[in-house]
Structure formats: structure tokens, C-alpha cells
Amino acid sequence: MRIRDRALAGCGAGGAEAKPSLKGKVLAKTADVPVGGGTLVEDLKIVVTQPTQGVYKAFSSVCTHKGCVVSTPENNVITCACHGSEFAADSGKATKGPATGGLAAYQVKVEGDGIVVA
């Protein structure tokens, strides 16, 4: 095997676990996500928010600063308890440091009384 071939072989998925798709997964019930607040889905590391009546958003609950899990949103603010970073509940955008990057967003939709990953 040539060196180039060995380097390319190292780029394969050997040993890496593929994450299962979350598409269609129910994250929360609409009744459990208050307007201006949200809920944490701890096992999936996702935070679901309702910034305005009937509008639901979902983001990674892992802070982009040091990887701590954020707190349950209040007053349309998602706060990291570790270092005080704040994120907008409608966009996941970092609004107060030390975090500078926003939270990764998930596309969601309402099906019946559930909030599901689109």
C-alpha cells in the first residue's frame, strides 16, 4: 500500500459511530413548552423553546464555550450555568459571552400535540 492510500484509508468511518437520525422524533409536547421559556430534552441534549405563541424552536443544549449543558430557558434567554453565556431563544445566537458561537439549530414542526424534528 502506498503512503497516499494509507492516508486515504485513515479517513474512513472505521471506529466512528454514526448518530441515528432524529427526523420524526418527538422532542416534547407543546403543553410542556411555555411561551418565553422552554424545556430540556436531556437524553438528546436538545433544548426546545417557544419564543412567541405557537412558534417552536430547538437547539443543541451544549454551550459552545466549554461544552456545559445550558439551563431551562426563561424570558426568551437560554443561559449556560457554568460561565453565564446567554443565547437568544428564537435563534440560538450568542448574545452574551464568553460564548461567541450560537447553538446548533434543529428544524422542528408541530404534529398533533408533539414537537418533532422535521
PDB file of N, CA and C in Angstrom:
ATOM      1  N   MET A   1       0.853  -1.187   0.000  1.00  0.00           N
ATOM      2  CA  MET A   1       0.000   0.000   0.000  1.00  0.00           C
ATOM      3  C   MET A   1       0.889   1.237   0.000  1.00  0.00           C
ATOM      4  N   ARG A   2       0.601   2.140  -0.889  1.00  0.00           N
ATOM      5  CA  ARG A   2       1.364   3.385  -0.952  1.00  0.00           C
ATOM      6  C   ARG A   2       0.965   4.292   0.210  1.00  0.00           C
ATOM      7  N   ILE A   3       1.832   5.230   0.546  1.00  0.00           N
ATOM      8  CA  ILE A   3       1.562   6.152   1.656  1.00  0.00           C
ATOM      9  C   ILE A   3       0.267   6.911   1.409  1.00  0.00           C
ATOM     10  N   ARG A   4       0.057   7.363   0.189  1.00  0.00           N
ATOM     11  CA  ARG A   4      -1.166   8.117  -0.134  1.00  0.00           C
ATOM     12  C   ARG A   4      -2.394   7.268   0.149  1.00  0.00           C
ATOM     13  N   ASP A   5      -2.363   5.976  -0.221  1.00  0.00           N
ATOM     14  CA  ASP A   5      -3.501   5.095   0.002  1.00  0.00           C
ATOM     15  C   ASP A   5      -3.768   4.890   1.492  1.00  0.00           C
ATOM     16  N   ARG A   6      -2.701   4.770   2.281  1.00  0.00           N
ATOM     17  CA  ARG A   6      -2.877   4.599   3.722  1.00  0.00           C
ATOM     18  C   ARG A   6      -3.499   5.848   4.330  1.00  0.00           C
ATOM     19  N   ALA A   7      -3.088   7.007   3.856  1.00  0.00           N
ATOM     20  CA  ALA A   7      -3.654   8.257   4.375  1.00  0.00           C
ATOM     21  C   ALA A   7      -5.139   8.338   4.064  1.00  0.00           C
ATOM     22  N   LEU A   8      -5.514   7.957   2.856  1.00  0.00           N
ATOM     23  CA  LEU A   8      -6.926   7.991   2.493  1.00  0.00           C
ATOM     24  C   LEU A   8      -7.724   6.956   3.271  1.00  0.00           C
ATOM     25  N   ALA A   9      -7.128   5.793   3.510  1.00  0.00           N
ATOM     26  CA  ALA A   9      -7.816   4.767   4.274  1.00  0.00           C
ATOM     27  C   ALA A   9      -8.106   5.255   5.687  1.00  0.00           C
ATOM     28  N   GLY A  10      -7.249   6.116   6.217  1.00  0.00           N
ATOM     29  CA  GLY A  10      -7.445   6.658   7.556  1.00  0.00           C
ATOM     30  C   GLY A  10      -8.614   7.615   7.647  1.00  0.00           C
ATOM     31  N   CYS A  11      -9.136   8.042   6.514  1.00  0.00           N
ATOM     32  CA  CYS A  11     -10.247   8.986   6.514  1.00  0.00           C
ATOM     33  C   CYS A  11     -11.595   8.283   6.583  1.00  0.00           C
ATOM     34  N   GLY A  12     -11.611   6.957   6.566  1.00  0.00           N
ATOM     35  CA  GLY A  12     -12.865   6.206   6.599  1.00  0.00           C
ATOM     36  C   GLY A  12     -13.551   6.335   7.939  1.00  0.00           C
ATOM     37  N   ALA A  13     -14.716   5.720   8.042  1.00  0.00           N
ATOM     38  CA  ALA A  13     -15.516   5.801   9.258  1.00  0.00           C
ATOM     39  C   ALA A  13     -15.178   4.690  10.244  1.00  0.00           C
ATOM     40  N   GLY A  14     -14.091   3.979  10.020  1.00  0.00           N
ATOM     41  CA  GLY A  14     -13.737   2.880  10.906  1.00  0.00           C
ATOM     42  C   GLY A  14     -13.668   3.332  12.353  1.00  0.00           C
ATOM     43  N   GLY A  15     -14.446   2.685  13.216  1.00  0.00           N
ATOM     44  CA  GLY A  15     -14.432   3.002  14.636  1.00  0.00           C
ATOM     45  C   GLY A  15     -15.365   4.140  15.029  1.00  0.00           C
ATOM     46  N   ALA A  16     -15.794   4.939  14.077  1.00  0.00           N
ATOM     47  CA  ALA A  16     -16.697   6.045  14.404  1.00  0.00           C
ATOM     48  C   ALA A  16     -18.129   5.528  14.395  1.00  0.00           C
ATOM     49  N   GLU A  17     -18.903   5.945  15.390  1.00  0.00           N
ATOM     50  CA  GLU A  17     -20.294   5.531  15.452  1.00  0.00           C
ATOM     51  C   GLU A  17     -21.157   6.569  14.761  1.00  0.00           C
ATOM     52  N   ALA A  18     -22.048   6.110  13.906  1.00  0.00           N
ATOM     53  CA  ALA A  18     -22.961   7.020  13.224  1.00  0.00           C
ATOM     54  C   ALA A  18     -24.092   7.378  14.179  1.00  0.00           C
ATOM     55  N   LYS A  19     -24.447   8.660  14.216  1.00  0.00           N
ATOM     56  CA  LYS A  19     -25.559   9.083  15.052  1.00  0.00           C
ATOM     57  C   LYS A  19     -26.867   8.724  14.359  1.00  0.00           C
ATOM     58  N   PRO A  20     -27.827   8.192  15.099  1.00  0.00           N
ATOM     59  CA  PRO A  20     -29.109   7.881  14.471  1.00  0.00           C
ATOM     60  C   PRO A  20     -29.829   9.179  14.099  1.00  0.00           C
ATOM     61  N   SER A  21     -30.595   9.130  13.046  1.00  0.00           N
ATOM     62  CA  SER A  21     -31.333  10.303  12.601  1.00  0.00           C
ATOM     63  C   SER A  21     -32.412  10.655  13.621  1.00  0.00           C
ATOM     64  N   LEU A  22     -32.577  11.928  13.871  1.00  0.00           N
ATOM     65  CA  LEU A  22     -33.622  12.384  14.787  1.00  0.00           C
ATOM     66  C   LEU A  22     -34.905  12.741  14.044  1.00  0.00           C
ATOM     67  N   LYS A  23     -34.877  12.663  12.712  1.00  0.00           N
ATOM     68  CA  LYS A  23     -36.049  13.045  11.921  1.00  0.00           C
ATOM     69  C   LYS A  23     -37.270  12.251  12.374  1.00  0.00           C
ATOM     70  N   GLY A  24     -38.352  12.985  12.674  1.00  0.00           N
ATOM     71  CA  GLY A  24     -39.596  12.369  13.117  1.00  0.00           C
ATOM     72  C   GLY A  24     -39.659  12.106  14.608  1.00  0.00           C
ATOM     73  N   LYS A  25     -38.567  12.353  15.321  1.00  0.00           N
ATOM     74  CA  LYS A  25     -38.509  12.119  16.764  1.00  0.00           C
ATOM     75  C   LYS A  25     -39.295  13.205  17.493  1.00  0.00           C
ATOM     76  N   VAL A  26     -40.200  12.781  18.393  1.00  0.00           N
ATOM     77  CA  VAL A  26     -40.944  13.730  19.219  1.00  0.00           C
ATOM     78  C   VAL A  26     -40.024  14.208  20.331  1.00  0.00           C
ATOM     79  N   LEU A  27     -39.793  15.522  20.377  1.00  0.00           N
ATOM     80  CA  LEU A  27     -38.900  16.103  21.377  1.00  0.00           C
ATOM     81  C   LEU A  27     -39.638  16.479  22.656  1.00  0.00           C
ATOM     82  N   ALA A  28     -40.863  16.986  22.504  1.00  0.00           N
ATOM     83  CA  ALA A  28     -41.637  17.449  23.654  1.00  0.00           C
ATOM     84  C   ALA A  28     -43.092  17.621  23.238  1.00  0.00           C
ATOM     85  N   LYS A  29     -43.942  17.746  24.223  1.00  0.00           N
ATOM     86  CA  LYS A  29     -45.347  18.079  23.991  1.00  0.00           C
ATOM     87  C   LYS A  29     -45.472  19.597  24.012  1.00  0.00           C
ATOM     88  N   THR A  30     -46.328  20.138  23.166  1.00  0.00           N
ATOM     89  CA  THR A  30     -46.495  21.593  23.108  1.00  0.00           C
ATOM     90  C   THR A  30     -46.882  22.166  24.469  1.00  0.00           C
ATOM     91  N   ALA A  31     -47.671  21.441  25.245  1.00  0.00           N
ATOM     92  CA  ALA A  31     -48.111  21.927  26.556  1.00  0.00           C
ATOM     93  C   ALA A  31     -46.961  22.026  27.556  1.00  0.00           C
ATOM     94  N   ASP A  32     -45.841  21.350  27.275  1.00  0.00           N
ATOM     95  CA  ASP A  32     -44.703  21.356  28.193  1.00  0.00           C
ATOM     96  C   ASP A  32     -43.677  22.439  27.884  1.00  0.00           C
ATOM     97  N   VAL A  33     -43.958  23.256  26.860  1.00  0.00           N
ATOM     98  CA  VAL A  33     -43.002  24.299  26.457  1.00  0.00           C
ATOM     99  C   VAL A  33     -43.694  25.656  26.597  1.00  0.00           C
ATOM    100  N   PRO A  34     -43.448  26.366  27.695  1.00  0.00           N
ATOM    101  CA  PRO A  34     -44.131  27.640  27.917  1.00  0.00           C
ATOM    102  C   PRO A  34     -43.657  28.749  26.976  1.00  0.00           C
ATOM    103  N   VAL A  35     -44.563  29.671  26.679  1.00  0.00           N
ATOM    104  CA  VAL A  35     -44.211  30.841  25.873  1.00  0.00           C
ATOM    105  C   VAL A  35     -43.138  31.633  26.637  1.00  0.00           C
ATOM    106  N   GLY A  36     -42.063  31.989  25.934  1.00  0.00           N
ATOM    107  CA  GLY A  36     -40.964  32.721  26.556  1.00  0.00           C
ATOM    108  C   GLY A  36     -40.006  31.825  27.319  1.00  0.00           C
ATOM    109  N   GLY A  37     -40.289  30.538  27.329  1.00  0.00           N
ATOM    110  CA  GLY A  37     -39.448  29.595  28.055  1.00  0.00           C
ATOM    111  C   GLY A  37     -39.126  28.397  27.198  1.00  0.00           C
ATOM    112  N   GLY A  38     -38.943  27.274  27.845  1.00  0.00           N
ATOM    113  CA  GLY A  38     -38.612  26.076  27.105  1.00  0.00           C
ATOM    114  C   GLY A  38     -38.450  24.885  28.004  1.00  0.00           C
ATOM    115  N   THR A  39     -37.945  23.823  27.420  1.00  0.00           N
ATOM    116  CA  THR A  39     -37.701  22.594  28.151  1.00  0.00           C
ATOM    117  C   THR A  39     -36.441  21.930  27.620  1.00  0.00           C
ATOM    118  N   LEU A  40     -35.748  21.232  28.513  1.00  0.00           N
ATOM    119  CA  LEU A  40     -34.551  20.491  28.118  1.00  0.00           C
ATOM    120  C   LEU A  40     -34.926  19.042  27.852  1.00  0.00           C
ATOM    121  N   VAL A  41     -34.417  18.513  26.761  1.00  0.00           N
ATOM    122  CA  VAL A  41     -34.561  17.093  26.454  1.00  0.00           C
ATOM    123  C   VAL A  41     -33.180  16.509  26.745  1.00  0.00           C
ATOM    124  N   GLU A  42     -32.972  16.135  27.995  1.00  0.00           N
ATOM    125  CA  GLU A  42     -31.637  15.798  28.480  1.00  0.00           C
ATOM    126  C   GLU A  42     -30.988  14.646  27.734  1.00  0.00           C
ATOM    127  N   ASP A  43     -31.752  13.583  27.428  1.00  0.00           N
ATOM    128  CA  ASP A  43     -31.137  12.417  26.789  1.00  0.00           C
ATOM    129  C   ASP A  43     -30.664  12.706  25.371  1.00  0.00           C
ATOM    130  N   LEU A  44     -31.256  13.694  24.715  1.00  0.00           N
ATOM    131  CA  LEU A  44     -30.853  14.057  23.350  1.00  0.00           C
ATOM    132  C   LEU A  44     -29.973  15.303  23.312  1.00  0.00           C
ATOM    133  N   LYS A  45     -29.775  15.932  24.464  1.00  0.00           N
ATOM    134  CA  LYS A  45     -29.004  17.179  24.557  1.00  0.00           C
ATOM    135  C   LYS A  45     -29.563  18.250  23.629  1.00  0.00           C
ATOM    136  N   ILE A  46     -30.887  18.450  23.754  1.00  0.00           N
ATOM    137  CA  ILE A  46     -31.601  19.446  22.954  1.00  0.00           C
ATOM    138  C   ILE A  46     -32.442  20.305  23.890  1.00  0.00           C
ATOM    139  N   VAL A  47     -32.532  21.589  23.575  1.00  0.00           N
ATOM    140  CA  VAL A  47     -33.420  22.496  24.288  1.00  0.00           C
ATOM    141  C   VAL A  47     -34.480  22.953  23.288  1.00  0.00           C
ATOM    142  N   VAL A  48     -35.754  22.872  23.715  1.00  0.00           N
ATOM    143  CA  VAL A  48     -36.880  23.289  22.878  1.00  0.00           C
ATOM    144  C   VAL A  48     -37.455  24.556  23.476  1.00  0.00           C
ATOM    145  N   THR A  49     -37.667  25.571  22.643  1.00  0.00           N
ATOM    146  CA  THR A  49     -38.184  26.858  23.120  1.00  0.00           C
ATOM    147  C   THR A  49     -39.468  27.227  22.390  1.00  0.00           C
ATOM    148  N   GLN A  50     -40.207  28.158  22.993  1.00  0.00           N
ATOM    149  CA  GLN A  50     -41.384  28.765  22.355  1.00  0.00           C
ATOM    150  C   GLN A  50     -41.255  30.276  22.553  1.00  0.00           C
ATOM    151  N   PRO A  51     -40.470  30.930  21.679  1.00  0.00           N
ATOM    152  CA  PRO A  51     -40.232  32.366  21.867  1.00  0.00           C
ATOM    153  C   PRO A  51     -41.497  33.216  21.767  1.00  0.00           C
ATOM    154  N   THR A  52     -42.418  32.835  20.902  1.00  0.00           N
ATOM    155  CA  THR A  52     -43.721  33.503  20.812  1.00  0.00           C
ATOM    156  C   THR A  52     -44.784  32.420  20.666  1.00  0.00           C
ATOM    157  N   GLN A  53     -46.007  32.777  20.996  1.00  0.00           N
ATOM    158  CA  GLN A  53     -47.115  31.811  20.979  1.00  0.00           C
ATOM    159  C   GLN A  53     -47.167  31.026  19.669  1.00  0.00           C
ATOM    160  N   GLY A  54     -47.057  29.697  19.784  1.00  0.00           N
ATOM    161  CA  GLY A  54     -47.184  28.819  18.624  1.00  0.00           C
ATOM    162  C   GLY A  54     -45.939  28.655  17.776  1.00  0.00           C
ATOM    163  N   VAL A  55     -44.846  29.327  18.131  1.00  0.00           N
ATOM    164  CA  VAL A  55     -43.586  29.210  17.392  1.00  0.00           C
ATOM    165  C   VAL A  55     -42.610  28.400  18.248  1.00  0.00           C
ATOM    166  N   TYR A  56     -42.180  27.265  17.713  1.00  0.00           N
ATOM    167  CA  TYR A  56     -41.273  26.387  18.462  1.00  0.00           C
ATOM    168  C   TYR A  56     -39.927  26.299  17.765  1.00  0.00           C
ATOM    169  N   LYS A  57     -38.871  26.293  18.555  1.00  0.00           N
ATOM    170  CA  LYS A  57     -37.501  26.197  18.056  1.00  0.00           C
ATOM    171  C   LYS A  57     -36.785  25.122  18.871  1.00  0.00           C
ATOM    172  N   ALA A  58     -35.738  24.547  18.288  1.00  0.00           N
ATOM    173  CA  ALA A  58     -34.940  23.560  19.013  1.00  0.00           C
ATOM    174  C   ALA A  58     -33.466  23.777  18.692  1.00  0.00           C
ATOM    175  N   PHE A  59     -32.641  23.634  19.717  1.00  0.00           N
ATOM    176  CA  PHE A  59     -31.206  23.862  19.596  1.00  0.00           C
ATOM    177  C   PHE A  59     -30.460  22.817  20.410  1.00  0.00           C
ATOM    178  N   SER A  60     -29.185  22.664  20.100  1.00  0.00           N
ATOM    179  CA  SER A  60     -28.320  21.844  20.941  1.00  0.00           C
ATOM    180  C   SER A  60     -28.303  22.490  22.317  1.00  0.00           C
ATOM    181  N   SER A  61     -28.315  21.672  23.359  1.00  0.00           N
ATOM    182  CA  SER A  61     -28.251  22.227  24.717  1.00  0.00           C
ATOM    183  C   SER A  61     -26.815  22.302  25.235  1.00  0.00           C
ATOM    184  N   VAL A  62     -25.854  22.070  24.335  1.00  0.00           N
ATOM    185  CA  VAL A  62     -24.443  22.105  24.714  1.00  0.00           C
ATOM    186  C   VAL A  62     -23.860  23.479  24.379  1.00  0.00           C
ATOM    187  N   CYS A  63     -23.411  24.184  25.402  1.00  0.00           N
ATOM    188  CA  CYS A  63     -22.846  25.519  25.218  1.00  0.00           C
ATOM    189  C   CYS A  63     -21.612  25.454  24.325  1.00  0.00           C
ATOM    190  N   THR A  64     -21.492  26.431  23.449  1.00  0.00           N
ATOM    191  CA  THR A  64     -20.378  26.481  22.502  1.00  0.00           C
ATOM    192  C   THR A  64     -19.077  26.973  23.139  1.00  0.00           C
ATOM    193  N   HIS A  65     -19.137  27.411  24.389  1.00  0.00           N
ATOM    194  CA  HIS A  65     -17.928  27.901  25.060  1.00  0.00           C
ATOM    195  C   HIS A  65     -17.075  26.755  25.592  1.00  0.00           C
ATOM    196  N   LYS A  66     -17.596  25.983  26.525  1.00  0.00           N
ATOM    197  CA  LYS A  66     -16.817  24.898  27.140  1.00  0.00           C
ATOM    198  C   LYS A  66     -17.574  23.580  27.187  1.00  0.00           C
ATOM    199  N   GLY A  67     -18.747  23.516  26.536  1.00  0.00           N
ATOM    200  CA  GLY A  67     -19.468  22.250  26.450  1.00  0.00           C
ATOM    201  C   GLY A  67     -20.387  21.922  27.607  1.00  0.00           C
ATOM    202  N   CYS A  68     -20.652  22.876  28.481  1.00  0.00           N
ATOM    203  CA  CYS A  68     -21.613  22.647  29.566  1.00  0.00           C
ATOM    204  C   CYS A  68     -23.020  22.588  28.981  1.00  0.00           C
ATOM    205  N   VAL A  69     -23.929  21.960  29.703  1.00  0.00           N
ATOM    206  CA  VAL A  69     -25.321  21.925  29.269  1.00  0.00           C
ATOM    207  C   VAL A  69     -26.009  23.189  29.785  1.00  0.00           C
ATOM    208  N   VAL A  70     -26.795  23.827  28.921  1.00  0.00           N
ATOM    209  CA  VAL A  70     -27.494  25.061  29.294  1.00  0.00           C
ATOM    210  C   VAL A  70     -28.656  24.761  30.229  1.00  0.00           C
ATOM    211  N   SER A  71     -29.171  25.805  30.851  1.00  0.00           N
ATOM    212  CA  SER A  71     -30.309  25.698  31.751  1.00  0.00           C
ATOM    213  C   SER A  71     -31.614  25.826  30.984  1.00  0.00           C
ATOM    214  N   THR A  72     -32.719  25.517  31.644  1.00  0.00           N
ATOM    215  CA  THR A  72     -34.037  25.681  31.049  1.00  0.00           C
ATOM    216  C   THR A  72     -34.244  27.161  30.731  1.00  0.00           C
ATOM    217  N   PRO A  73     -34.665  27.480  29.507  1.00  0.00           N
ATOM    218  CA  PRO A  73     -34.830  28.888  29.108  1.00  0.00           C
ATOM    219  C   PRO A  73     -35.897  29.623  29.932  1.00  0.00           C
ATOM    220  N   GLU A  74     -35.629  30.891  30.185  1.00  0.00           N
ATOM    221  CA  GLU A  74     -36.574  31.782  30.850  1.00  0.00           C
ATOM    222  C   GLU A  74     -36.492  33.145  30.191  1.00  0.00           C
ATOM    223  N   ASN A  75     -37.623  33.808  30.048  1.00  0.00           N
ATOM    224  CA  ASN A  75     -37.681  35.151  29.468  1.00  0.00           C
ATOM    225  C   ASN A  75     -36.972  35.218  28.114  1.00  0.00           C
ATOM    226  N   ASN A  76     -37.161  34.164  27.298  1.00  0.00           N
ATOM    227  CA  ASN A  76     -36.577  34.071  25.954  1.00  0.00           C
ATOM    228  C   ASN A  76     -35.051  34.102  25.946  1.00  0.00           C
ATOM    229  N   VAL A  77     -34.443  33.656  27.053  1.00  0.00           N
ATOM    230  CA  VAL A  77     -32.991  33.585  27.145  1.00  0.00           C
ATOM    231  C   VAL A  77     -32.597  32.178  27.585  1.00  0.00           C
ATOM    232  N   ILE A  78     -31.653  31.608  26.858  1.00  0.00           N
ATOM    233  CA  ILE A  78     -31.072  30.324  27.221  1.00  0.00           C
ATOM    234  C   ILE A  78     -29.729  30.651  27.873  1.00  0.00           C
ATOM    235  N   THR A  79     -29.533  30.228  29.118  1.00  0.00           N
ATOM    236  CA  THR A  79     -28.334  30.592  29.870  1.00  0.00           C
ATOM    237  C   THR A  79     -27.501  29.362  30.193  1.00  0.00           C
ATOM    238  N   CYS A  80     -26.203  29.514  30.076  1.00  0.00           N
ATOM    239  CA  CYS A  80     -25.283  28.458  30.488  1.00  0.00           C
ATOM    240  C   CYS A  80     -24.902  28.730  31.940  1.00  0.00           C
ATOM    241  N   ALA A  81     -25.190  27.783  32.803  1.00  0.00           N
ATOM    242  CA  ALA A  81     -24.927  27.954  34.236  1.00  0.00           C
ATOM    243  C   ALA A  81     -23.443  27.950  34.567  1.00  0.00           C
ATOM    244  N   CYS A  82     -22.630  27.366  33.708  1.00  0.00           N
ATOM    245  CA  CYS A  82     -21.196  27.270  34.019  1.00  0.00           C
ATOM    246  C   CYS A  82     -20.485  28.623  34.004  1.00  0.00           C
ATOM    247  N   HIS A  83     -20.668  29.391  32.927  1.00  0.00           N
ATOM    248  CA  HIS A  83     -19.912  30.636  32.779  1.00  0.00           C
ATOM    249  C   HIS A  83     -20.777  31.838  32.410  1.00  0.00           C
ATOM    250  N   GLY A  84     -22.103  31.660  32.383  1.00  0.00           N
ATOM    251  CA  GLY A  84     -23.002  32.790  32.175  1.00  0.00           C
ATOM    252  C   GLY A  84     -23.277  33.190  30.743  1.00  0.00           C
ATOM    253  N   SER A  85     -22.833  32.410  29.775  1.00  0.00           N
ATOM    254  CA  SER A  85     -23.156  32.747  28.385  1.00  0.00           C
ATOM    255  C   SER A  85     -24.668  32.735  28.205  1.00  0.00           C
ATOM    256  N   GLU A  86     -25.164  33.602  27.333  1.00  0.00           N
ATOM    257  CA  GLU A  86     -26.593  33.670  27.053  1.00  0.00           C
ATOM    258  C   GLU A  86     -26.831  33.559  25.557  1.00  0.00           C
ATOM    259  N   PHE A  87     -27.954  32.915  25.221  1.00  0.00           N
ATOM    260  CA  PHE A  87     -28.333  32.682  23.830  1.00  0.00           C
ATOM    261  C   PHE A  87     -29.791  33.082  23.639  1.00  0.00           C
ATOM    262  N   ALA A  88     -30.109  33.615  22.459  1.00  0.00           N
ATOM    263  CA  ALA A  88     -31.480  34.014  22.134  1.00  0.00           C
ATOM    264  C   ALA A  88     -32.328  32.767  21.907  1.00  0.00           C
ATOM    265  N   ALA A  89     -33.503  32.722  22.534  1.00  0.00           N
ATOM    266  CA  ALA A  89     -34.385  31.562  22.437  1.00  0.00           C
ATOM    267  C   ALA A  89     -35.042  31.424  21.070  1.00  0.00           C
ATOM    268  N   ASP A  90     -34.991  32.471  20.256  1.00  0.00           N
ATOM    269  CA  ASP A  90     -35.612  32.397  18.927  1.00  0.00           C
ATOM    270  C   ASP A  90     -34.624  32.048  17.824  1.00  0.00           C
ATOM    271  N   SER A  91     -33.319  32.191  18.099  1.00  0.00           N
ATOM    272  CA  SER A  91     -32.320  31.949  17.055  1.00  0.00           C
ATOM    273  C   SER A  91     -31.140  31.092  17.507  1.00  0.00           C
ATOM    274  N   GLY A  92     -30.943  30.964  18.804  1.00  0.00           N
ATOM    275  CA  GLY A  92     -29.787  30.251  19.327  1.00  0.00           C
ATOM    276  C   GLY A  92     -28.514  31.078  19.286  1.00  0.00           C
ATOM    277  N   LYS A  93     -28.615  32.306  18.805  1.00  0.00           N
ATOM    278  CA  LYS A  93     -27.451  33.192  18.679  1.00  0.00           C
ATOM    279  C   LYS A  93     -26.911  33.581  20.048  1.00  0.00           C
ATOM    280  N   ALA A  94     -25.582  33.572  20.180  1.00  0.00           N
ATOM    281  CA  ALA A  94     -24.941  34.011  21.418  1.00  0.00           C
ATOM    282  C   ALA A  94     -25.162  35.511  21.581  1.00  0.00           C
ATOM    283  N   THR A  95     -25.712  35.911  22.726  1.00  0.00           N
ATOM    284  CA  THR A  95     -25.973  37.323  22.981  1.00  0.00           C
ATOM    285  C   THR A  95     -25.108  37.881  24.106  1.00  0.00           C
ATOM    286  N   LYS A  96     -24.486  36.975  24.896  1.00  0.00           N
ATOM    287  CA  LYS A  96     -23.608  37.388  25.983  1.00  0.00           C
ATOM    288  C   LYS A  96     -22.546  36.308  26.152  1.00  0.00           C
ATOM    289  N   GLY A  97     -21.284  36.736  26.213  1.00  0.00           N
ATOM    290  CA  GLY A  97     -20.172  35.811  26.332  1.00  0.00           C
ATOM    291  C   GLY A  97     -20.008  35.240  27.713  1.00  0.00           C
ATOM    292  N   PRO A  98     -19.062  34.353  27.785  1.00  0.00           N
ATOM    293  CA  PRO A  98     -17.903  34.175  26.923  1.00  0.00           C
ATOM    294  C   PRO A  98     -18.153  33.410  25.610  1.00  0.00           C
ATOM    295  N   ALA A  99     -19.247  32.700  25.459  1.00  0.00           N
ATOM    296  CA  ALA A  99     -19.501  32.001  24.194  1.00  0.00           C
ATOM    297  C   ALA A  99     -19.656  33.023  23.071  1.00  0.00           C
ATOM    298  N   THR A 100     -19.074  32.719  21.922  1.00  0.00           N
ATOM    299  CA  THR A 100     -19.216  33.609  20.764  1.00  0.00           C
ATOM    300  C   THR A 100     -20.018  32.946  19.655  1.00  0.00           C
ATOM    301  N   GLY A 101     -20.046  31.622  19.636  1.00  0.00           N
ATOM    302  CA  GLY A 101     -20.805  30.896  18.624  1.00  0.00           C
ATOM    303  C   GLY A 101     -22.191  30.560  19.135  1.00  0.00           C
ATOM    304  N   GLY A 102     -23.140  30.500  18.216  1.00  0.00           N
ATOM    305  CA  GLY A 102     -24.515  30.167  18.580  1.00  0.00           C
ATOM    306  C   GLY A 102     -24.708  28.671  18.765  1.00  0.00           C
ATOM    307  N   LEU A 103     -25.855  28.317  19.313  1.00  0.00           N
ATOM    308  CA  LEU A 103     -26.217  26.912  19.491  1.00  0.00           C
ATOM    309  C   LEU A 103     -26.683  26.330  18.158  1.00  0.00           C
ATOM    310  N   ALA A 104     -26.307  25.102  17.882  1.00  0.00           N
ATOM    311  CA  ALA A 104     -26.734  24.434  16.646  1.00  0.00           C
ATOM    312  C   ALA A 104     -28.256  24.275  16.661  1.00  0.00           C
ATOM    313  N   ALA A 105     -28.892  24.606  15.531  1.00  0.00           N
ATOM    314  CA  ALA A 105     -30.349  24.565  15.439  1.00  0.00           C
ATOM    315  C   ALA A 105     -30.838  23.269  14.802  1.00  0.00           C
ATOM    316  N   TYR A 106     -32.021  22.854  15.229  1.00  0.00           N
ATOM    317  CA  TYR A 106     -32.739  21.728  14.628  1.00  0.00           C
ATOM    318  C   TYR A 106     -34.027  22.272  14.037  1.00  0.00           C
ATOM    319  N   GLN A 107     -34.408  21.780  12.878  1.00  0.00           N
ATOM    320  CA  GLN A 107     -35.692  22.161  12.290  1.00  0.00           C
ATOM    321  C   GLN A 107     -36.772  21.325  12.964  1.00  0.00           C
ATOM    322  N   VAL A 108     -37.818  21.976  13.444  1.00  0.00           N
ATOM    323  CA  VAL A 108     -38.905  21.262  14.102  1.00  0.00           C
ATOM    324  C   VAL A 108     -40.250  21.694  13.526  1.00  0.00           C
ATOM    325  N   LYS A 109     -41.253  20.849  13.753  1.00  0.00           N
ATOM    326  CA  LYS A 109     -42.623  21.171  13.357  1.00  0.00           C
ATOM    327  C   LYS A 109     -43.550  20.564  14.398  1.00  0.00           C
ATOM    328  N   VAL A 110     -44.787  21.047  14.415  1.00  0.00           N
ATOM    329  CA  VAL A 110     -45.782  20.525  15.345  1.00  0.00           C
ATOM    330  C   VAL A 110     -46.628  19.498  14.606  1.00  0.00           C
ATOM    331  N   GLU A 111     -46.740  18.326  15.217  1.00  0.00           N
ATOM    332  CA  GLU A 111     -47.626  17.277  14.715  1.00  0.00           C
ATOM    333  C   GLU A 111     -48.519  16.871  15.864  1.00  0.00           C
ATOM    334  N   GLY A 112     -49.807  17.189  15.738  1.00  0.00           N
ATOM    335  CA  GLY A 112     -50.718  16.936  16.845  1.00  0.00           C
ATOM    336  C   GLY A 112     -50.322  17.803  18.016  1.00  0.00           C
ATOM    337  N   ASP A 113     -50.037  17.159  19.157  1.00  0.00           N
ATOM    338  CA  ASP A 113     -49.592  17.925  20.338  1.00  0.00           C
ATOM    339  C   ASP A 113     -48.095  17.746  20.588  1.00  0.00           C
ATOM    340  N   GLY A 114     -47.382  17.210  19.591  1.00  0.00           N
ATOM    341  CA  GLY A 114     -45.949  16.985  19.738  1.00  0.00           C
ATOM    342  C   GLY A 114     -45.107  17.908  18.887  1.00  0.00           C
ATOM    343  N   ILE A 115     -43.909  18.194  19.383  1.00  0.00           N
ATOM    344  CA  ILE A 115     -42.919  18.969  18.633  1.00  0.00           C
ATOM    345  C   ILE A 115     -41.916  17.954  18.133  1.00  0.00           C
ATOM    346  N   VAL A 116     -41.824  17.817  16.808  1.00  0.00           N
ATOM    347  CA  VAL A 116     -40.988  16.778  16.229  1.00  0.00           C
ATOM    348  C   VAL A 116     -39.905  17.372  15.328  1.00  0.00           C
ATOM    349  N   VAL A 117     -38.817  16.627  15.176  1.00  0.00           N
ATOM    350  CA  VAL A 117     -37.733  17.053  14.301  1.00  0.00           C
ATOM    351  C   VAL A 117     -38.206  16.869  12.870  1.00  0.00           C
ATOM    352  N   ALA A 118     -38.108  17.942  12.091  1.00  0.00           N
ATOM    353  CA  ALA A 118     -38.569  17.917  10.697  1.00  0.00           C
ATOM    354  C   ALA A 118     -37.564  17.240   9.784  1.00  0.00           C
TER     355      ALA A 118
END
